[in-house]
Every structure is written in structure tokens, then in C-alpha cells.
Amino acid sequence: LKPSALHNNCSGKHAGFVCLAIATGHDPKGYI
């Protein structure tokens, strides 16, 4: 197998950003 974005050491932080975007009514696309 090859690594995915989940293996990135920052995936938890980014998952948190996605949760924040959705909870505040924003499309997470382009959150970076």
C-alpha cells in the first residue's frame, strides 16, 4: 500500500479544520 493523507503527521489538525468549517457553515474546500 501507499500512504494516504491520514498518515500525514498533521492529519488530526486538518481533520479538526474540516470539522470546524462544517460546524460553522462553510465549505471546507480550500481551507488551507
PDB file of all heavy atoms in Angstrom:
ATOM      1  N   LEU A   1       0.822  -1.205   0.000  1.00  0.00           N
ATOM      2  CA  LEU A   1       0.000   0.000   0.000  1.00  0.00           C
ATOM      3  C   LEU A   1       0.861   1.262   0.000  1.00  0.00           C
ATOM      4  O   LEU A   1       2.045   1.221   0.357  1.00  0.00           O
ATOM      5  CB  LEU A   1      -0.900   0.010   1.235  1.00  0.00           C
ATOM      6  CG  LEU A   1      -1.869  -1.156   1.379  1.00  0.00           C
ATOM      7  CD1 LEU A   1      -2.608  -1.066   2.711  1.00  0.00           C
ATOM      8  CD2 LEU A   1      -2.856  -1.175   0.212  1.00  0.00           C
ATOM      9  N   LYS A   2       0.257   2.369  -0.358  1.00  0.00           N
ATOM     10  CA  LYS A   2       0.907   3.666  -0.283  1.00  0.00           C
ATOM     11  C   LYS A   2       0.242   4.490   0.814  1.00  0.00           C
ATOM     12  O   LYS A   2      -0.927   4.269   1.143  1.00  0.00           O
ATOM     13  CB  LYS A   2       0.811   4.388  -1.623  1.00  0.00           C
ATOM     14  CG  LYS A   2       1.632   3.748  -2.726  1.00  0.00           C
ATOM     15  CD  LYS A   2       1.575   4.580  -4.002  1.00  0.00           C
ATOM     16  CE  LYS A   2       2.455   3.963  -5.089  1.00  0.00           C
ATOM     17  NZ  LYS A   2       2.424   4.781  -6.347  1.00  0.00           N
ATOM     18  N   PRO A   3       0.959   5.434   1.389  1.00  0.00           N
ATOM     19  CA  PRO A   3       0.350   6.251   2.448  1.00  0.00           C
ATOM     20  C   PRO A   3      -0.726   7.164   1.894  1.00  0.00           C
ATOM     21  O   PRO A   3      -0.697   7.546   0.712  1.00  0.00           O
ATOM     22  CB  PRO A   3       1.536   7.059   2.985  1.00  0.00           C
ATOM     23  CG  PRO A   3       2.484   7.139   1.829  1.00  0.00           C
ATOM     24  CD  PRO A   3       2.354   5.827   1.115  1.00  0.00           C
ATOM     25  N   SER A   4      -1.668   7.500   2.742  1.00  0.00           N
ATOM     26  CA  SER A   4      -2.723   8.448   2.387  1.00  0.00           C
ATOM     27  C   SER A   4      -2.540   9.707   3.220  1.00  0.00           C
ATOM     28  O   SER A   4      -1.643   9.801   4.070  1.00  0.00           O
ATOM     29  CB  SER A   4      -4.096   7.841   2.663  1.00  0.00           C
ATOM     30  OG  SER A   4      -4.350   7.813   4.063  1.00  0.00           O
ATOM     31  N   ALA A   5      -3.425  10.664   3.020  1.00  0.00           N
ATOM     32  CA  ALA A   5      -3.376  11.893   3.812  1.00  0.00           C
ATOM     33  C   ALA A   5      -3.590  11.608   5.295  1.00  0.00           C
ATOM     34  O   ALA A   5      -3.153  12.384   6.146  1.00  0.00           O
ATOM     35  CB  ALA A   5      -4.425  12.882   3.305  1.00  0.00           C
ATOM     36  N   LEU A   6      -4.233  10.486   5.615  1.00  0.00           N
ATOM     37  CA  LEU A   6      -4.426  10.132   7.029  1.00  0.00           C
ATOM     38  C   LEU A   6      -3.097   9.863   7.723  1.00  0.00           C
ATOM     39  O   LEU A   6      -2.988  10.019   8.947  1.00  0.00           O
ATOM     40  CB  LEU A   6      -5.328   8.902   7.162  1.00  0.00           C
ATOM     41  CG  LEU A   6      -6.779   9.075   6.723  1.00  0.00           C
ATOM     42  CD1 LEU A   6      -7.504   7.738   6.743  1.00  0.00           C
ATOM     43  CD2 LEU A   6      -7.502  10.091   7.595  1.00  0.00           C
ATOM     44  N   HIS A   7      -2.076   9.439   6.957  1.00  0.00           N
ATOM     45  CA  HIS A   7      -0.767   9.167   7.543  1.00  0.00           C
ATOM     46  C   HIS A   7       0.050  10.433   7.769  1.00  0.00           C
ATOM     47  O   HIS A   7       1.061  10.400   8.479  1.00  0.00           O
ATOM     48  CB  HIS A   7       0.032   8.208   6.655  1.00  0.00           C
ATOM     49  CG  HIS A   7      -0.552   6.833   6.572  1.00  0.00           C
ATOM     50  ND1 HIS A   7      -1.425   6.461   5.576  1.00  0.00           N
ATOM     51  CD2 HIS A   7      -0.394   5.753   7.376  1.00  0.00           C
ATOM     52  CE1 HIS A   7      -1.781   5.194   5.761  1.00  0.00           C
ATOM     53  NE2 HIS A   7      -1.180   4.743   6.837  1.00  0.00           N
ATOM     54  N   ASN A   8      -0.361  11.528   7.141  1.00  0.00           N
ATOM     55  CA  ASN A   8       0.346  12.788   7.346  1.00  0.00           C
ATOM     56  C   ASN A   8       0.337  13.131   8.824  1.00  0.00           C
ATOM     57  O   ASN A   8      -0.688  13.006   9.495  1.00  0.00           O
ATOM     58  CB  ASN A   8      -0.344  13.901   6.542  1.00  0.00           C
ATOM     59  CG  ASN A   8       0.433  15.210   6.550  1.00  0.00           C
ATOM     60  OD1 ASN A   8       0.648  15.811   7.593  1.00  0.00           O
ATOM     61  ND2 ASN A   8       0.829  15.650   5.372  1.00  0.00           N
ATOM     62  N   ASN A   9       1.474  13.588   9.342  1.00  0.00           N
ATOM     63  CA  ASN A   9       1.563  13.853  10.782  1.00  0.00           C
ATOM     64  C   ASN A   9       0.593  14.949  11.226  1.00  0.00           C
ATOM     65  O   ASN A   9       0.302  15.070  12.411  1.00  0.00           O
ATOM     66  CB  ASN A   9       3.003  14.206  11.168  1.00  0.00           C
ATOM     67  CG  ASN A   9       3.424  15.585  10.721  1.00  0.00           C
ATOM     68  OD1 ASN A   9       3.396  16.541  11.487  1.00  0.00           O
ATOM     69  ND2 ASN A   9       3.835  15.706   9.468  1.00  0.00           N
ATOM     70  N   CYS A  10       0.088  15.744  10.287  1.00  0.00           N
ATOM     71  CA  CYS A  10      -0.849  16.822  10.606  1.00  0.00           C
ATOM     72  C   CYS A  10      -2.304  16.466  10.297  1.00  0.00           C
ATOM     73  O   CYS A  10      -3.173  17.351  10.306  1.00  0.00           O
ATOM     74  CB  CYS A  10      -0.478  18.084   9.836  1.00  0.00           C
ATOM     75  SG  CYS A  10       1.123  18.781  10.281  1.00  0.00           S
ATOM     76  N   SER A  11      -2.603  15.202  10.006  1.00  0.00           N
ATOM     77  CA  SER A  11      -3.965  14.861   9.590  1.00  0.00           C
ATOM     78  C   SER A  11      -4.998  15.146  10.668  1.00  0.00           C
ATOM     79  O   SER A  11      -6.148  15.485  10.360  1.00  0.00           O
ATOM     80  CB  SER A  11      -4.049  13.399   9.143  1.00  0.00           C
ATOM     81  OG  SER A  11      -3.840  12.505  10.232  1.00  0.00           O
ATOM     82  N   GLY A  12      -4.632  15.021  11.930  1.00  0.00           N
ATOM     83  CA  GLY A  12      -5.577  15.322  13.002  1.00  0.00           C
ATOM     84  C   GLY A  12      -5.921  16.795  13.060  1.00  0.00           C
ATOM     85  O   GLY A  12      -7.086  17.174  13.246  1.00  0.00           O
ATOM     86  N   LYS A  13      -4.907  17.638  12.906  1.00  0.00           N
ATOM     87  CA  LYS A  13      -5.150  19.078  12.869  1.00  0.00           C
ATOM     88  C   LYS A  13      -6.057  19.429  11.699  1.00  0.00           C
ATOM     89  O   LYS A  13      -7.022  20.200  11.849  1.00  0.00           O
ATOM     90  CB  LYS A  13      -3.827  19.827  12.743  1.00  0.00           C
ATOM     91  CG  LYS A  13      -3.965  21.334  12.601  1.00  0.00           C
ATOM     92  CD  LYS A  13      -2.612  22.020  12.483  1.00  0.00           C
ATOM     93  CE  LYS A  13      -1.963  21.758  11.126  1.00  0.00           C
ATOM     94  NZ  LYS A  13      -0.694  22.532  10.973  1.00  0.00           N
ATOM     95  N   HIS A  14      -5.774  18.854  10.537  1.00  0.00           N
ATOM     96  CA  HIS A  14      -6.577  19.145   9.354  1.00  0.00           C
ATOM     97  C   HIS A  14      -7.990  18.586   9.482  1.00  0.00           C
ATOM     98  O   HIS A  14      -8.951  19.222   9.028  1.00  0.00           O
ATOM     99  CB  HIS A  14      -5.890  18.598   8.103  1.00  0.00           C
ATOM    100  CG  HIS A  14      -4.760  19.471   7.640  1.00  0.00           C
ATOM    101  ND1 HIS A  14      -4.799  20.177   6.462  1.00  0.00           N
ATOM    102  CD2 HIS A  14      -3.564  19.761   8.214  1.00  0.00           C
ATOM    103  CE1 HIS A  14      -3.671  20.856   6.321  1.00  0.00           C
ATOM    104  NE2 HIS A  14      -2.904  20.613   7.369  1.00  0.00           N
ATOM    105  N   ALA A  15      -8.133  17.418  10.095  1.00  0.00           N
ATOM    106  CA  ALA A  15      -9.479  16.896  10.343  1.00  0.00           C
ATOM    107  C   ALA A  15     -10.249  17.842  11.248  1.00  0.00           C
ATOM    108  O   ALA A  15     -11.454  18.053  11.072  1.00  0.00           O
ATOM    109  CB  ALA A  15      -9.398  15.503  10.955  1.00  0.00           C
ATOM    110  N   GLY A  16      -9.549  18.429  12.213  1.00  0.00           N
ATOM    111  CA  GLY A  16     -10.183  19.435  13.068  1.00  0.00           C
ATOM    112  C   GLY A  16     -10.622  20.655  12.284  1.00  0.00           C
ATOM    113  O   GLY A  16     -11.700  21.216  12.528  1.00  0.00           O
ATOM    114  N   PHE A  17      -9.793  21.084  11.320  1.00  0.00           N
ATOM    115  CA  PHE A  17     -10.178  22.221  10.481  1.00  0.00           C
ATOM    116  C   PHE A  17     -11.444  21.908   9.676  1.00  0.00           C
ATOM    117  O   PHE A  17     -12.317  22.770   9.517  1.00  0.00           O
ATOM    118  CB  PHE A  17      -9.044  22.574   9.516  1.00  0.00           C
ATOM    119  CG  PHE A  17      -7.798  23.116  10.163  1.00  0.00           C
ATOM    120  CD1 PHE A  17      -6.611  23.162   9.455  1.00  0.00           C
ATOM    121  CD2 PHE A  17      -7.800  23.600  11.461  1.00  0.00           C
ATOM    122  CE1 PHE A  17      -5.451  23.668  10.026  1.00  0.00           C
ATOM    123  CE2 PHE A  17      -6.640  24.107  12.057  1.00  0.00           C
ATOM    124  CZ  PHE A  17      -5.463  24.139  11.326  1.00  0.00           C
ATOM    125  N   VAL A  18     -11.520  20.685   9.165  1.00  0.00           N
ATOM    126  CA  VAL A  18     -12.707  20.282   8.394  1.00  0.00           C
ATOM    127  C   VAL A  18     -13.943  20.296   9.297  1.00  0.00           C
ATOM    128  O   VAL A  18     -15.012  20.805   8.908  1.00  0.00           O
ATOM    129  CB  VAL A  18     -12.494  18.894   7.761  1.00  0.00           C
ATOM    130  CG1 VAL A  18     -13.795  18.371   7.146  1.00  0.00           C
ATOM    131  CG2 VAL A  18     -11.394  18.948   6.708  1.00  0.00           C
ATOM    132  N   CYS A  19     -13.809  19.757  10.493  1.00  0.00           N
ATOM    133  CA  CYS A  19     -14.931  19.776  11.442  1.00  0.00           C
ATOM    134  C   CYS A  19     -15.355  21.212  11.744  1.00  0.00           C
ATOM    135  O   CYS A  19     -16.557  21.517  11.808  1.00  0.00           O
ATOM    136  CB  CYS A  19     -14.538  19.067  12.740  1.00  0.00           C
ATOM    137  SG  CYS A  19     -14.372  17.272  12.607  1.00  0.00           S
ATOM    138  N   LEU A  20     -14.386  22.090  11.947  1.00  0.00           N
ATOM    139  CA  LEU A  20     -14.678  23.492  12.247  1.00  0.00           C
ATOM    140  C   LEU A  20     -15.409  24.148  11.085  1.00  0.00           C
ATOM    141  O   LEU A  20     -16.402  24.873  11.286  1.00  0.00           O
ATOM    142  CB  LEU A  20     -13.378  24.235  12.550  1.00  0.00           C
ATOM    143  CG  LEU A  20     -13.476  25.754  12.735  1.00  0.00           C
ATOM    144  CD1 LEU A  20     -14.392  26.104  13.912  1.00  0.00           C
ATOM    145  CD2 LEU A  20     -12.087  26.357  12.945  1.00  0.00           C
ATOM    146  N   ALA A  21     -14.927  23.911   9.864  1.00  0.00           N
ATOM    147  CA  ALA A  21     -15.556  24.520   8.687  1.00  0.00           C
ATOM    148  C   ALA A  21     -17.022  24.099   8.577  1.00  0.00           C
ATOM    149  O   ALA A  21     -17.918  24.940   8.390  1.00  0.00           O
ATOM    150  CB  ALA A  21     -14.792  24.125   7.425  1.00  0.00           C
ATOM    151  N   ILE A  22     -17.281  22.811   8.711  1.00  0.00           N
ATOM    152  CA  ILE A  22     -18.645  22.304   8.544  1.00  0.00           C
ATOM    153  C   ILE A  22     -19.548  22.800   9.664  1.00  0.00           C
ATOM    154  O   ILE A  22     -20.692  23.218   9.431  1.00  0.00           O
ATOM    155  CB  ILE A  22     -18.630  20.766   8.468  1.00  0.00           C
ATOM    156  CG1 ILE A  22     -17.935  20.327   7.179  1.00  0.00           C
ATOM    157  CG2 ILE A  22     -20.042  20.196   8.544  1.00  0.00           C
ATOM    158  CD1 ILE A  22     -17.673  18.851   7.083  1.00  0.00           C
ATOM    159  N   ALA A  23     -19.036  22.803  10.897  1.00  0.00           N
ATOM    160  CA  ALA A  23     -19.849  23.239  12.036  1.00  0.00           C
ATOM    161  C   ALA A  23     -20.211  24.714  11.949  1.00  0.00           C
ATOM    162  O   ALA A  23     -21.241  25.141  12.491  1.00  0.00           O
ATOM    163  CB  ALA A  23     -19.109  22.959  13.342  1.00  0.00           C
ATOM    164  N   THR A  24     -19.380  25.510  11.258  1.00  0.00           N
ATOM    165  CA  THR A  24     -19.644  26.944  11.143  1.00  0.00           C
ATOM    166  C   THR A  24     -20.279  27.304   9.805  1.00  0.00           C
ATOM    167  O   THR A  24     -20.358  28.482   9.441  1.00  0.00           O
ATOM    168  CB  THR A  24     -18.351  27.745  11.342  1.00  0.00           C
ATOM    169  OG1 THR A  24     -17.326  27.256  10.465  1.00  0.00           O
ATOM    170  CG2 THR A  24     -17.866  27.632  12.779  1.00  0.00           C
ATOM    171  N   GLY A  25     -20.720  26.282   9.063  1.00  0.00           N
ATOM    172  CA  GLY A  25     -21.483  26.510   7.852  1.00  0.00           C
ATOM    173  C   GLY A  25     -20.684  26.848   6.615  1.00  0.00           C
ATOM    174  O   GLY A  25     -21.204  27.467   5.684  1.00  0.00           O
ATOM    175  N   HIS A  26     -19.408  26.420   6.582  1.00  0.00           N
ATOM    176  CA  HIS A  26     -18.554  26.735   5.435  1.00  0.00           C
ATOM    177  C   HIS A  26     -18.151  25.468   4.687  1.00  0.00           C
ATOM    178  O   HIS A  26     -17.962  24.404   5.294  1.00  0.00           O
ATOM    179  CB  HIS A  26     -17.296  27.469   5.891  1.00  0.00           C
ATOM    180  CG  HIS A  26     -17.561  28.776   6.556  1.00  0.00           C
ATOM    181  ND1 HIS A  26     -18.073  29.859   5.899  1.00  0.00           N
ATOM    182  CD2 HIS A  26     -17.385  29.168   7.852  1.00  0.00           C
ATOM    183  CE1 HIS A  26     -18.215  30.874   6.739  1.00  0.00           C
ATOM    184  NE2 HIS A  26     -17.801  30.475   7.931  1.00  0.00           N
ATOM    185  N   ASP A  27     -18.032  25.588   3.390  1.00  0.00           N
ATOM    186  CA  ASP A  27     -17.492  24.506   2.575  1.00  0.00           C
ATOM    187  C   ASP A  27     -16.011  24.359   2.930  1.00  0.00           C
ATOM    188  O   ASP A  27     -15.253  25.329   2.833  1.00  0.00           O
ATOM    189  CB  ASP A  27     -17.643  24.858   1.093  1.00  0.00           C
ATOM    190  CG  ASP A  27     -17.153  23.749   0.165  1.00  0.00           C
ATOM    191  OD1 ASP A  27     -16.504  22.803   0.643  1.00  0.00           O
ATOM    192  OD2 ASP A  27     -17.403  23.858  -1.056  1.00  0.00           O
ATOM    193  N   PRO A  28     -15.576  23.177   3.356  1.00  0.00           N
ATOM    194  CA  PRO A  28     -14.172  23.039   3.745  1.00  0.00           C
ATOM    195  C   PRO A  28     -13.185  23.126   2.584  1.00  0.00           C
ATOM    196  O   PRO A  28     -11.984  23.297   2.819  1.00  0.00           O
ATOM    197  CB  PRO A  28     -14.120  21.666   4.418  1.00  0.00           C
ATOM    198  CG  PRO A  28     -15.283  20.920   3.878  1.00  0.00           C
ATOM    199  CD  PRO A  28     -16.343  21.938   3.611  1.00  0.00           C
ATOM    200  N   LYS A  29     -13.644  22.999   1.371  1.00  0.00           N
ATOM    201  CA  LYS A  29     -12.734  23.032   0.226  1.00  0.00           C
ATOM    202  C   LYS A  29     -11.905  24.320   0.247  1.00  0.00           C
ATOM    203  O   LYS A  29     -12.430  25.412   0.378  1.00  0.00           O
ATOM    204  CB  LYS A  29     -13.504  22.937  -1.086  1.00  0.00           C
ATOM    205  CG  LYS A  29     -12.598  22.849  -2.320  1.00  0.00           C
ATOM    206  CD  LYS A  29     -13.408  22.650  -3.578  1.00  0.00           C
ATOM    207  CE  LYS A  29     -12.519  22.634  -4.822  1.00  0.00           C
ATOM    208  NZ  LYS A  29     -11.491  21.567  -4.764  1.00  0.00           N
ATOM    209  N   GLY A  30     -10.589  24.144   0.145  1.00  0.00           N
ATOM    210  CA  GLY A  30      -9.689  25.290   0.150  1.00  0.00           C
ATOM    211  C   GLY A  30      -9.391  25.836   1.527  1.00  0.00           C
ATOM    212  O   GLY A  30      -8.860  26.943   1.656  1.00  0.00           O
ATOM    213  N   TYR A  31      -9.675  25.061   2.580  1.00  0.00           N
ATOM    214  CA  TYR A  31      -9.498  25.561   3.946  1.00  0.00           C
ATOM    215  C   TYR A  31      -8.052  25.923   4.277  1.00  0.00           C
ATOM    216  O   TYR A  31      -7.792  26.636   5.242  1.00  0.00           O
ATOM    217  CB  TYR A  31     -10.022  24.546   4.972  1.00  0.00           C
ATOM    218  CG  TYR A  31      -9.237  23.254   5.040  1.00  0.00           C
ATOM    219  CD1 TYR A  31      -8.077  23.157   5.802  1.00  0.00           C
ATOM    220  CD2 TYR A  31      -9.651  22.118   4.336  1.00  0.00           C
ATOM    221  CE1 TYR A  31      -7.354  21.973   5.854  1.00  0.00           C
ATOM    222  CE2 TYR A  31      -8.940  20.947   4.387  1.00  0.00           C
ATOM    223  CZ  TYR A  31      -7.785  20.867   5.143  1.00  0.00           C
ATOM    224  OH  TYR A  31      -7.064  19.693   5.188  1.00  0.00           O
ATOM    225  N   ILE A  32      -7.095  25.435   3.504  1.00  0.00           N
ATOM    226  CA  ILE A  32      -5.687  25.745   3.790  1.00  0.00           C
ATOM    227  C   ILE A  32      -5.293  27.146   3.329  1.00  0.00           C
ATOM    228  O   ILE A  32      -4.212  27.639   3.688  1.00  0.00           O
ATOM    229  CB  ILE A  32      -4.745  24.716   3.133  1.00  0.00           C
ATOM    230  CG1 ILE A  32      -4.894  24.729   1.606  1.00  0.00           C
ATOM    231  CG2 ILE A  32      -4.966  23.325   3.713  1.00  0.00           C
ATOM    232  CD1 ILE A  32      -3.871  23.860   0.887  1.00  0.00           C
TER     233      ILE A  32
END
